[in-house]
Amino acid sequence: MPNMDPKKCPMPSQDPQVRNRNFSEVALGYTYEMAVNEAKRCLNCKNKPCVSACPVSIDIPAFIERVANEDMEGAYAVISRSSSLPAVCGRVCPQETQCEGKCVRGIKGEPVGIGRLERFVADWHRTHSTEAPQKPASNGHRVAIIGAGPAGLTAAGDLAKLGYGVTIFEALHLAGGVLVYGIPEFRLPKAIVQQEIDNLKALGVDIQCNMVIGKVLTVDELFEMGYEAVFIGSGAGLPRFMGIPGESLKGVYSANEFLTRINLMKAYQEGSKTPIQHARNVAVVGGGNVAMDAARCAKRLGAENVYIVYRRGMAELPARLEEVEHAQEEGIIFKTLCNPVEVLGDENGCVRGMTCVEMELGEPDESGRRRPIVKEGSEFTLDVDCMIMSIGTSPNPLIRSTTPGLDTNRHGCIITNGEDGLTTREGVFAGGDAVTGAATVILAMGAGKQAARAIDAYIQEKNKA
């Protein structure tokens, strides 16, 4: 019998006042019974509107139908045909604006909990399956991937399944990209990321870490080594700052540095070799998911007050609603319609406060959002001893500066044809944040899938000649 409950099954989670002092996963996941019950809310629509909104085109009704019929391994098989990272996507994808945003059940109630079901299926498979992925037969061709983040891992997985010899060159000492250095443990446990990576290795993907392309090797040298195509999925890890006085003071971090120290270097653990400041009052400037992650990490490090300082209002916050709600539950203070104009320092060169101005919203700008305007005479001082800048990132210029013929735009993003990731350099493809600027994990994965198809077509066509 279908489940016609207008509300989705709630996600069990840690108590907010407990979890804001630990780094364990916040959401605890569905039980078997919850998953089956939620799956029965799906109407299995013939036109599948949810699929059209999925960047990697998972056959959502098909996998949910299998969950409803208690065929969990069958559900995993459906998902894994389209997604190389299902346990990751089930946790961090913005389903509310993608698949769930198109769900028919959402018209008169809440949509089916598609992301929660994807997470359940991936976790069930991880704890119950004993079979490793089978390495496909080689087709004799080799492809190089730059960057072991979501775009690179997805492209690598899809190409490996087609029989390509794939090598990923990763600049850091650990594969995963933003999945390991950017997203906190309490949202995405790193053991889960590692298992997804191990699955790719079982398919034959070779991952070489500590390989900074543009420094250790160039793109030209990769072609000389016998790779027939190169995919650039190096992300956008260069932080932006506001250019206001005091940004060079001790206690001012980019969100990238702050989160990398915590997530990749485990700075929150006792005796960490990469310590981080345990501040009393912290201001995080920005309103996206990265800002929420930084603020929630600062709270877990023991800060008494953590402020989100954002120049627009609550309605304009670009972060996922779920992340905003979790932050509020954990005691993060939102100071919206507010913008810093100076960081104040003490006699030791450390942050002692921020001068801010109040804002009001005017007419929409080119992005379609109402433009923030400074209120005259509204200056005030915010008492903080740590400031984290989370106002965006751009691609590192190293690859573009060492690759002749590779065109970029004024933001430093690699220019592609917009369809399959083909760049202005023959045989070189790109996708993810290196092309779009900072975006979501699932959009990067979608770009990786498109590029993998294009690379396969390119190599096959080239070898016909």
Protein backbone atom coordinates (compact mmCIF):
# COMPACT_ATOMS: atom_id res chain seq x y z
CA MET A 1 0.00 0.00 0.00
CA PRO A 2 1.29 3.49 -0.83
CA ASN A 3 2.07 5.83 2.03
CA MET A 4 0.00 9.01 1.55
CA ASP A 5 1.38 10.84 4.59
CA PRO A 6 1.86 14.48 3.44
CA LYS A 7 5.06 14.80 5.50
CA LYS A 8 8.32 12.98 4.95
CA CYS A 9 9.69 10.79 7.71
CA PRO A 10 11.79 13.00 10.03
CA MET A 11 15.53 12.41 10.08
CA PRO A 12 16.84 11.29 13.49
CA SER A 13 19.66 13.53 14.68
CA GLN A 14 21.83 14.39 17.67
CA ASP A 15 20.47 16.88 20.19
CA PRO A 16 21.68 20.38 19.17
CA GLN A 17 23.22 21.15 22.58
CA VAL A 18 25.14 17.87 22.50
CA ARG A 19 26.30 17.92 18.89
CA ASN A 20 27.59 21.51 19.02
CA ARG A 21 30.38 20.21 21.23
CA ASN A 22 31.42 17.19 19.14
CA PHE A 23 32.36 16.41 15.53
CA SER A 24 30.24 13.25 15.19
CA GLU A 25 27.70 13.16 12.37
CA VAL A 26 24.64 15.30 13.11
CA ALA A 27 22.08 13.35 11.08
CA LEU A 28 21.86 9.74 12.25
CA GLY A 29 20.14 8.27 9.18
CA TYR A 30 16.92 6.33 8.62
CA THR A 31 16.30 2.93 10.12
CA TYR A 32 15.33 0.11 7.74
CA GLU A 33 11.66 0.54 8.60
CA MET A 34 11.80 4.34 8.13
CA ALA A 35 13.40 3.94 4.70
CA VAL A 36 10.82 1.44 3.47
CA ASN A 37 7.98 3.57 4.78
CA GLU A 38 9.35 6.75 3.19
CA ALA A 39 9.94 4.98 -0.12
CA LYS A 40 6.27 4.05 -0.23
CA ARG A 41 5.42 7.76 -0.45
CA CYS A 42 6.84 7.81 -4.01
CA LEU A 43 4.14 7.82 -6.71
CA ASN A 44 6.55 6.39 -9.31
CA CYS A 45 5.54 9.08 -11.83
CA LYS A 46 5.82 8.08 -15.48
CA ASN A 47 7.42 11.34 -16.58
CA LYS A 48 9.95 11.30 -13.69
CA PRO A 49 10.27 15.04 -13.01
CA CYS A 50 12.76 14.35 -10.22
CA VAL A 51 15.21 12.75 -12.66
CA SER A 52 15.21 15.83 -14.89
CA ALA A 53 16.48 17.88 -11.93
CA CYS A 54 19.30 15.48 -11.01
CA PRO A 55 22.67 16.61 -12.43
CA VAL A 56 23.84 12.99 -12.72
CA SER A 57 20.45 11.63 -13.93
CA ILE A 58 19.88 8.92 -11.32
CA ASP A 59 16.73 6.90 -12.09
CA ILE A 60 15.16 8.01 -8.83
CA PRO A 61 11.74 6.30 -9.05
CA ALA A 62 13.44 2.99 -9.96
CA PHE A 63 15.77 2.98 -6.96
CA ILE A 64 13.01 4.12 -4.58
CA GLU A 65 10.69 1.39 -5.87
CA ARG A 66 13.33 -1.17 -4.96
CA VAL A 67 13.64 0.30 -1.46
CA ALA A 68 9.85 0.05 -1.06
CA ASN A 69 10.12 -3.62 -2.12
CA GLU A 70 13.00 -4.12 0.34
CA ASP A 71 15.53 -4.85 -2.41
CA MET A 72 18.32 -2.64 -1.06
CA GLU A 73 21.10 -4.12 -3.15
CA GLY A 74 18.97 -3.63 -6.26
CA ALA A 75 18.42 -0.02 -5.24
CA TYR A 76 22.17 0.48 -4.88
CA ALA A 77 22.76 -1.02 -8.33
CA VAL A 78 20.37 1.52 -9.85
CA ILE A 79 22.04 4.48 -8.11
CA SER A 80 25.59 3.35 -8.85
CA ARG A 81 24.88 3.18 -12.58
CA SER A 82 24.75 6.99 -12.51
CA SER A 83 26.64 8.08 -9.38
CA SER A 84 30.16 7.20 -8.28
CA LEU A 85 29.63 8.81 -4.85
CA PRO A 86 26.12 7.90 -3.59
CA ALA A 87 26.92 8.04 0.14
CA VAL A 88 28.36 11.52 -0.38
CA CYS A 89 25.48 12.82 -2.49
CA GLY A 90 22.89 11.53 -0.05
CA ARG A 91 24.46 13.74 2.60
CA VAL A 92 25.53 16.98 0.95
CA CYS A 93 23.48 17.50 -2.23
CA PRO A 94 20.94 20.37 -2.17
CA GLN A 95 18.04 18.03 -2.95
CA GLU A 96 15.50 20.68 -1.99
CA THR A 97 16.40 22.73 -5.07
CA GLN A 98 17.01 19.75 -7.36
CA CYS A 99 15.27 16.36 -7.35
CA GLU A 100 13.02 17.01 -4.35
CA GLY A 101 12.17 20.43 -5.73
CA LYS A 102 10.47 18.70 -8.69
CA CYS A 103 8.78 15.93 -6.68
CA VAL A 104 5.02 15.78 -7.30
CA ARG A 105 4.38 14.94 -3.64
CA GLY A 106 5.77 18.39 -2.81
CA ILE A 107 2.80 20.14 -4.47
CA LYS A 108 0.37 19.39 -1.63
CA GLY A 109 2.80 18.39 1.09
CA GLU A 110 6.46 17.57 1.54
CA PRO A 111 8.43 15.89 -1.23
CA VAL A 112 9.72 12.35 -0.89
CA GLY A 113 12.98 12.28 1.11
CA ILE A 114 15.05 11.32 -1.93
CA GLY A 115 18.39 12.36 -0.43
CA ARG A 116 17.69 10.55 2.81
CA LEU A 117 16.82 7.39 0.89
CA GLU A 118 19.95 7.63 -1.26
CA ARG A 119 22.03 7.95 1.90
CA PHE A 120 20.26 4.95 3.48
CA VAL A 121 20.84 2.76 0.43
CA ALA A 122 24.52 3.69 0.17
CA ASP A 123 25.05 3.09 3.90
CA TRP A 124 23.17 -0.23 3.75
CA HIS A 125 25.37 -1.39 0.90
CA ARG A 126 28.52 -0.32 2.73
CA THR A 127 27.64 -2.34 5.85
CA HIS A 128 26.10 -5.39 4.16
CA SER A 129 27.87 -5.98 0.85
CA THR A 130 31.08 -8.01 0.76
CA GLU A 131 31.68 -7.82 -3.00
CA ALA A 132 34.29 -5.39 -4.29
CA PRO A 133 33.64 -3.64 -7.62
CA GLN A 134 34.98 -5.64 -10.58
CA LYS A 135 37.77 -4.05 -12.61
CA PRO A 136 36.66 -3.81 -16.27
CA ALA A 137 38.80 -5.15 -19.10
CA SER A 138 41.26 -2.59 -20.43
CA ASN A 139 40.51 -0.84 -23.73
CA GLY A 140 44.15 0.16 -24.11
CA HIS A 141 43.70 3.93 -23.73
CA ARG A 142 44.89 6.23 -20.94
CA VAL A 143 43.41 9.43 -19.48
CA ALA A 144 44.88 11.82 -16.90
CA ILE A 145 42.66 13.53 -14.33
CA ILE A 146 43.87 16.62 -12.46
CA GLY A 147 42.24 16.86 -9.05
CA ALA A 148 40.69 14.18 -6.83
CA GLY A 149 37.59 16.17 -5.92
CA PRO A 150 33.97 15.41 -6.92
CA ALA A 151 34.44 16.27 -10.62
CA GLY A 152 37.68 14.35 -10.99
CA LEU A 153 36.52 11.30 -9.03
CA THR A 154 33.30 11.10 -11.07
CA ALA A 155 35.08 11.42 -14.42
CA ALA A 156 37.62 8.83 -13.30
CA GLY A 157 34.93 6.35 -12.21
CA ASP A 158 32.94 6.64 -15.42
CA LEU A 159 36.04 6.29 -17.62
CA ALA A 160 37.36 3.35 -15.60
CA LYS A 161 34.04 1.54 -16.11
CA LEU A 162 34.62 1.94 -19.87
CA GLY A 163 38.01 0.27 -19.60
CA TYR A 164 40.27 3.32 -19.64
CA GLY A 165 43.51 3.40 -17.70
CA VAL A 166 42.88 6.41 -15.45
CA THR A 167 45.43 8.24 -13.31
CA ILE A 168 44.32 11.00 -10.94
CA PHE A 169 46.96 13.56 -9.99
CA GLU A 170 46.07 15.17 -6.64
CA ALA A 171 47.96 18.15 -5.18
CA LEU A 172 47.24 17.31 -1.52
CA HIS A 173 48.43 14.27 0.41
CA LEU A 174 44.93 12.79 0.52
CA ALA A 175 42.32 12.27 -2.21
CA GLY A 176 38.81 13.72 -1.97
CA GLY A 177 39.22 17.43 -2.62
CA VAL A 178 36.55 19.53 -0.94
CA LEU A 179 34.98 16.34 0.42
CA VAL A 180 37.92 15.91 2.80
CA TYR A 181 39.27 19.43 3.33
CA GLY A 182 36.10 21.51 3.10
CA ILE A 183 33.05 19.67 4.42
CA PRO A 184 33.20 18.98 8.18
CA GLU A 185 33.15 15.52 9.71
CA PHE A 186 29.76 16.20 11.34
CA ARG A 187 28.19 16.58 7.88
CA LEU A 188 30.28 14.07 5.94
CA PRO A 189 32.35 11.47 7.82
CA LYS A 190 35.72 11.02 6.13
CA ALA A 191 35.58 7.22 6.45
CA ILE A 192 32.63 7.31 4.05
CA VAL A 193 34.57 9.42 1.55
CA GLN A 194 37.52 7.02 1.80
CA GLN A 195 35.32 4.01 1.09
CA GLU A 196 33.93 5.67 -2.04
CA ILE A 197 37.52 6.36 -3.14
CA ASP A 198 38.51 2.75 -2.39
CA ASN A 199 35.68 1.61 -4.68
CA LEU A 200 37.20 3.66 -7.50
CA LYS A 201 40.61 2.14 -6.83
CA ALA A 202 39.03 -1.31 -7.11
CA LEU A 203 37.91 -0.31 -10.61
CA GLY A 204 41.57 0.30 -11.47
CA VAL A 205 41.82 4.06 -10.91
CA ASP A 206 45.38 5.05 -9.93
CA ILE A 207 45.56 8.02 -7.54
CA GLN A 208 48.88 9.83 -7.19
CA CYS A 209 48.93 12.37 -4.34
CA ASN A 210 51.35 15.24 -3.69
CA MET A 211 51.33 15.94 -7.44
CA VAL A 212 50.91 19.66 -8.08
CA ILE A 213 50.19 19.90 -11.80
CA GLY A 214 51.83 23.01 -13.17
CA LYS A 215 54.76 22.54 -10.80
CA VAL A 216 55.70 18.85 -10.57
CA LEU A 217 54.36 18.11 -14.06
CA THR A 218 52.69 20.23 -16.73
CA VAL A 219 49.73 19.35 -18.91
CA ASP A 220 52.10 19.14 -21.89
CA GLU A 221 54.21 16.60 -20.02
CA LEU A 222 51.14 14.48 -19.28
CA PHE A 223 50.52 14.16 -23.02
CA GLU A 224 54.20 13.28 -23.52
CA MET A 225 53.75 10.47 -20.97
CA GLY A 226 51.15 8.84 -23.22
CA TYR A 227 47.86 10.13 -21.87
CA GLU A 228 45.46 10.72 -24.76
CA ALA A 229 43.24 13.23 -22.95
CA VAL A 230 43.42 15.33 -19.80
CA PHE A 231 40.51 16.36 -17.56
CA ILE A 232 41.05 19.35 -15.27
CA GLY A 233 38.92 19.15 -12.13
CA SER A 234 41.20 21.14 -9.87
CA GLY A 235 38.42 23.09 -8.15
CA ALA A 236 38.44 26.66 -6.89
CA GLY A 237 40.59 26.83 -3.80
CA LEU A 238 41.97 30.37 -3.98
CA PRO A 239 40.19 32.38 -1.24
CA ARG A 240 38.87 35.88 -1.70
CA PHE A 241 39.17 38.69 0.81
CA MET A 242 37.33 42.00 1.12
CA GLY A 243 40.37 44.28 0.94
CA ILE A 244 39.43 46.11 4.13
CA PRO A 245 41.93 47.44 6.72
CA GLY A 246 43.13 44.87 9.25
CA GLU A 247 42.71 41.71 7.18
CA SER A 248 46.38 40.80 7.78
CA LEU A 249 45.98 40.68 11.57
CA LYS A 250 46.54 37.47 13.54
CA GLY A 251 43.22 35.71 13.94
CA VAL A 252 41.92 36.44 10.44
CA TYR A 253 41.43 33.25 8.42
CA SER A 254 40.05 32.38 5.05
CA ALA A 255 37.31 29.77 5.41
CA ASN A 256 39.47 27.48 3.26
CA GLU A 257 42.40 27.61 5.70
CA PHE A 258 40.16 27.33 8.76
CA LEU A 259 38.25 24.32 7.44
CA THR A 260 41.33 22.62 5.98
CA ARG A 261 43.11 22.81 9.33
CA ILE A 262 40.07 21.27 11.02
CA ASN A 263 38.90 18.71 8.46
CA LEU A 264 42.10 17.56 6.80
CA MET A 265 44.61 18.20 9.60
CA LYS A 266 42.23 17.34 12.49
CA ALA A 267 43.12 20.53 14.40
CA TYR A 268 40.22 19.89 16.78
CA GLN A 269 41.92 16.80 18.19
CA GLU A 270 44.12 17.03 21.28
CA GLY A 271 47.80 17.15 20.33
CA SER A 272 47.17 18.04 16.69
CA LYS A 273 50.33 19.01 14.76
CA THR A 274 48.32 21.71 12.98
CA PRO A 275 46.66 23.62 15.85
CA ILE A 276 44.12 26.34 15.35
CA GLN A 277 43.08 29.28 17.51
CA HIS A 278 40.35 28.52 20.05
CA ALA A 279 38.67 31.92 20.06
CA ARG A 280 36.06 33.28 22.44
CA ASN A 281 34.01 35.34 19.97
CA VAL A 282 34.11 34.48 16.26
CA ALA A 283 32.69 36.31 13.25
CA VAL A 284 32.19 34.44 9.97
CA VAL A 285 31.66 36.80 7.04
CA GLY A 286 29.41 35.29 4.37
CA GLY A 287 26.15 33.41 4.09
CA GLY A 288 26.79 30.26 2.06
CA ASN A 289 27.19 26.62 3.05
CA VAL A 290 30.93 27.15 3.64
CA ALA A 291 30.14 29.97 6.08
CA MET A 292 27.73 27.69 7.96
CA ASP A 293 30.39 24.97 8.12
CA ALA A 294 33.00 27.38 9.45
CA ALA A 295 30.64 28.84 12.06
CA ARG A 296 29.52 25.43 13.29
CA CYS A 297 33.15 24.26 13.51
CA ALA A 298 34.09 27.35 15.53
CA LYS A 299 31.27 26.59 17.94
CA ARG A 300 32.52 23.04 18.36
CA LEU A 301 35.99 24.38 19.14
CA GLY A 302 34.48 26.05 22.21
CA ALA A 303 33.68 29.61 21.13
CA GLU A 304 31.14 31.33 23.39
CA ASN A 305 29.63 33.42 20.60
CA VAL A 306 29.76 32.73 16.88
CA TYR A 307 28.28 35.28 14.50
CA ILE A 308 27.30 34.92 10.86
CA VAL A 309 27.83 38.41 9.42
CA TYR A 310 25.95 38.74 6.14
CA ARG A 311 25.17 41.88 4.18
CA ARG A 312 21.73 40.75 3.00
CA GLY A 313 18.76 39.38 4.97
CA MET A 314 17.83 35.88 6.17
CA ALA A 315 15.66 35.34 3.08
CA GLU A 316 18.65 35.95 0.82
CA LEU A 317 21.08 33.54 2.53
CA PRO A 318 22.51 31.28 -0.21
CA ALA A 319 23.14 28.39 2.21
CA ARG A 320 20.84 25.37 2.26
CA LEU A 321 17.85 25.86 4.54
CA GLU A 322 18.77 22.70 6.45
CA GLU A 323 22.26 24.04 7.17
CA VAL A 324 20.85 27.38 8.35
CA GLU A 325 18.37 25.62 10.62
CA HIS A 326 21.07 23.36 12.06
CA ALA A 327 23.28 26.38 12.72
CA GLN A 328 20.46 28.21 14.49
CA GLU A 329 19.67 25.15 16.61
CA GLU A 330 23.33 24.96 17.64
CA GLY A 331 23.37 28.56 18.86
CA ILE A 332 24.97 30.39 15.93
CA ILE A 333 23.97 34.09 16.00
CA PHE A 334 22.90 35.60 12.68
CA LYS A 335 23.78 39.26 12.22
CA THR A 336 22.22 39.91 8.81
CA LEU A 337 21.98 43.24 6.96
CA CYS A 338 25.42 43.94 8.34
CA ASN A 339 28.86 44.24 6.72
CA PRO A 340 32.40 44.68 8.10
CA VAL A 341 34.44 47.70 7.03
CA GLU A 342 37.54 47.27 9.24
CA VAL A 343 39.20 44.64 11.41
CA LEU A 344 40.49 46.13 14.65
CA GLY A 345 43.76 44.98 16.23
CA ASP A 346 45.39 45.12 19.64
CA GLU A 347 48.99 46.02 20.56
CA ASN A 348 50.12 42.47 19.69
CA GLY A 349 48.70 42.55 16.18
CA CYS A 350 45.78 40.26 17.06
CA VAL A 351 42.10 40.74 16.25
CA ARG A 352 40.19 42.56 18.99
CA GLY A 353 37.03 43.55 17.12
CA MET A 354 35.32 44.47 13.86
CA THR A 355 33.83 47.75 12.75
CA CYS A 356 30.59 47.01 10.90
CA VAL A 357 27.87 49.01 9.17
CA GLU A 358 24.19 48.23 8.93
CA MET A 359 22.74 47.61 5.46
CA GLU A 360 19.36 47.88 3.80
CA LEU A 361 18.19 46.25 0.58
CA GLY A 362 17.69 48.35 -2.54
CA GLU A 363 16.81 47.40 -6.12
CA PRO A 364 17.89 44.03 -7.56
CA ASP A 365 21.41 43.83 -9.05
CA GLU A 366 22.63 41.79 -12.05
CA SER A 367 22.32 38.59 -10.00
CA GLY A 368 18.62 39.25 -9.41
CA ARG A 369 19.10 39.77 -5.67
CA ARG A 370 18.34 43.09 -4.01
CA ARG A 371 21.48 45.21 -3.74
CA PRO A 372 22.67 45.94 -0.18
CA ILE A 373 23.11 49.64 0.58
CA VAL A 374 24.96 51.11 3.56
CA LYS A 375 22.84 52.94 6.13
CA GLU A 376 24.45 56.27 6.85
CA GLY A 377 25.77 56.70 10.40
CA SER A 378 25.15 53.07 11.31
CA GLU A 379 28.68 52.04 12.32
CA PHE A 380 29.10 49.79 15.35
CA THR A 381 31.81 47.55 16.80
CA LEU A 382 31.46 43.80 17.14
CA ASP A 383 33.57 42.28 19.92
CA VAL A 384 35.42 39.36 18.31
CA ASP A 385 38.89 37.85 18.54
CA CYS A 386 38.68 35.76 15.37
CA MET A 387 37.38 36.56 11.89
CA ILE A 388 36.76 34.00 9.13
CA MET A 389 36.30 35.25 5.57
CA SER A 390 33.84 33.12 3.57
CA ILE A 391 32.96 35.30 0.59
CA GLY A 392 33.94 32.93 -2.20
CA THR A 393 36.90 31.37 -3.96
CA SER A 394 38.40 31.29 -7.42
CA PRO A 395 40.56 28.74 -9.31
CA ASN A 396 44.27 28.59 -8.58
CA PRO A 397 46.15 30.23 -11.49
CA LEU A 398 48.94 27.62 -11.58
CA ILE A 399 47.46 25.32 -14.24
CA ARG A 400 46.29 28.07 -16.57
CA SER A 401 49.62 29.88 -16.31
CA THR A 402 51.57 26.76 -17.33
CA THR A 403 49.27 25.47 -20.09
CA PRO A 404 49.63 27.29 -23.43
CA GLY A 405 46.37 27.63 -25.37
CA LEU A 406 44.12 27.19 -22.34
CA ASP A 407 41.77 30.19 -22.21
CA THR A 408 40.21 31.50 -19.01
CA ASN A 409 37.72 34.25 -18.22
CA ARG A 410 38.29 37.38 -16.13
CA HIS A 411 37.60 35.39 -12.95
CA GLY A 412 40.31 32.86 -13.79
CA CYS A 413 37.79 30.11 -14.62
CA ILE A 414 38.64 27.79 -17.52
CA ILE A 415 36.52 28.43 -20.63
CA THR A 416 34.77 25.38 -22.12
CA ASN A 417 32.16 24.87 -24.82
CA GLY A 418 29.55 24.59 -22.05
CA GLU A 419 28.31 21.17 -23.17
CA ASP A 420 30.93 18.49 -22.65
CA GLY A 421 33.80 20.31 -20.96
CA LEU A 422 36.00 20.73 -24.05
CA THR A 423 38.45 23.60 -23.53
CA THR A 424 40.30 25.76 -26.06
CA ARG A 425 43.20 23.31 -25.91
CA GLU A 426 42.81 20.12 -27.95
CA GLY A 427 42.47 17.00 -25.85
CA VAL A 428 42.00 18.99 -22.64
CA PHE A 429 38.63 18.94 -20.89
CA ALA A 430 37.57 20.67 -17.67
CA GLY A 431 34.65 20.75 -15.27
CA GLY A 432 33.47 21.57 -11.78
CA ASP A 433 34.56 24.62 -9.82
CA ALA A 434 37.59 25.15 -12.09
CA VAL A 435 35.06 26.13 -14.77
CA THR A 436 32.07 27.52 -12.85
CA GLY A 437 33.74 28.96 -9.77
CA ALA A 438 32.63 27.69 -6.37
CA ALA A 439 29.43 25.62 -6.73
CA THR A 440 27.97 22.37 -5.37
CA VAL A 441 29.37 18.86 -5.17
CA ILE A 442 26.62 17.42 -7.37
CA LEU A 443 27.08 20.02 -10.11
CA ALA A 444 30.78 19.17 -10.18
CA MET A 445 29.88 15.50 -10.43
CA GLY A 446 27.52 16.23 -13.31
CA ALA A 447 30.32 18.05 -15.11
CA GLY A 448 32.62 15.08 -14.53
CA LYS A 449 30.06 12.71 -16.07
CA GLN A 450 29.57 14.93 -19.13
CA ALA A 451 33.30 15.23 -19.64
CA ALA A 452 33.82 11.46 -19.31
CA ARG A 453 31.32 10.85 -22.12
CA ALA A 454 33.01 13.52 -24.25
CA ILE A 455 36.51 12.15 -23.59
CA ASP A 456 35.39 8.66 -24.58
CA ALA A 457 33.87 10.01 -27.82
CA TYR A 458 37.00 12.10 -28.51
CA ILE A 459 39.44 9.21 -28.06
CA GLN A 460 37.32 6.76 -30.02
CA GLU A 461 36.94 9.21 -32.90
CA LYS A 462 40.64 10.08 -32.85
CA ASN A 463 41.61 6.41 -33.07
CA LYS A 464 39.33 5.83 -36.07
CA ALA A 465 41.37 8.22 -38.17
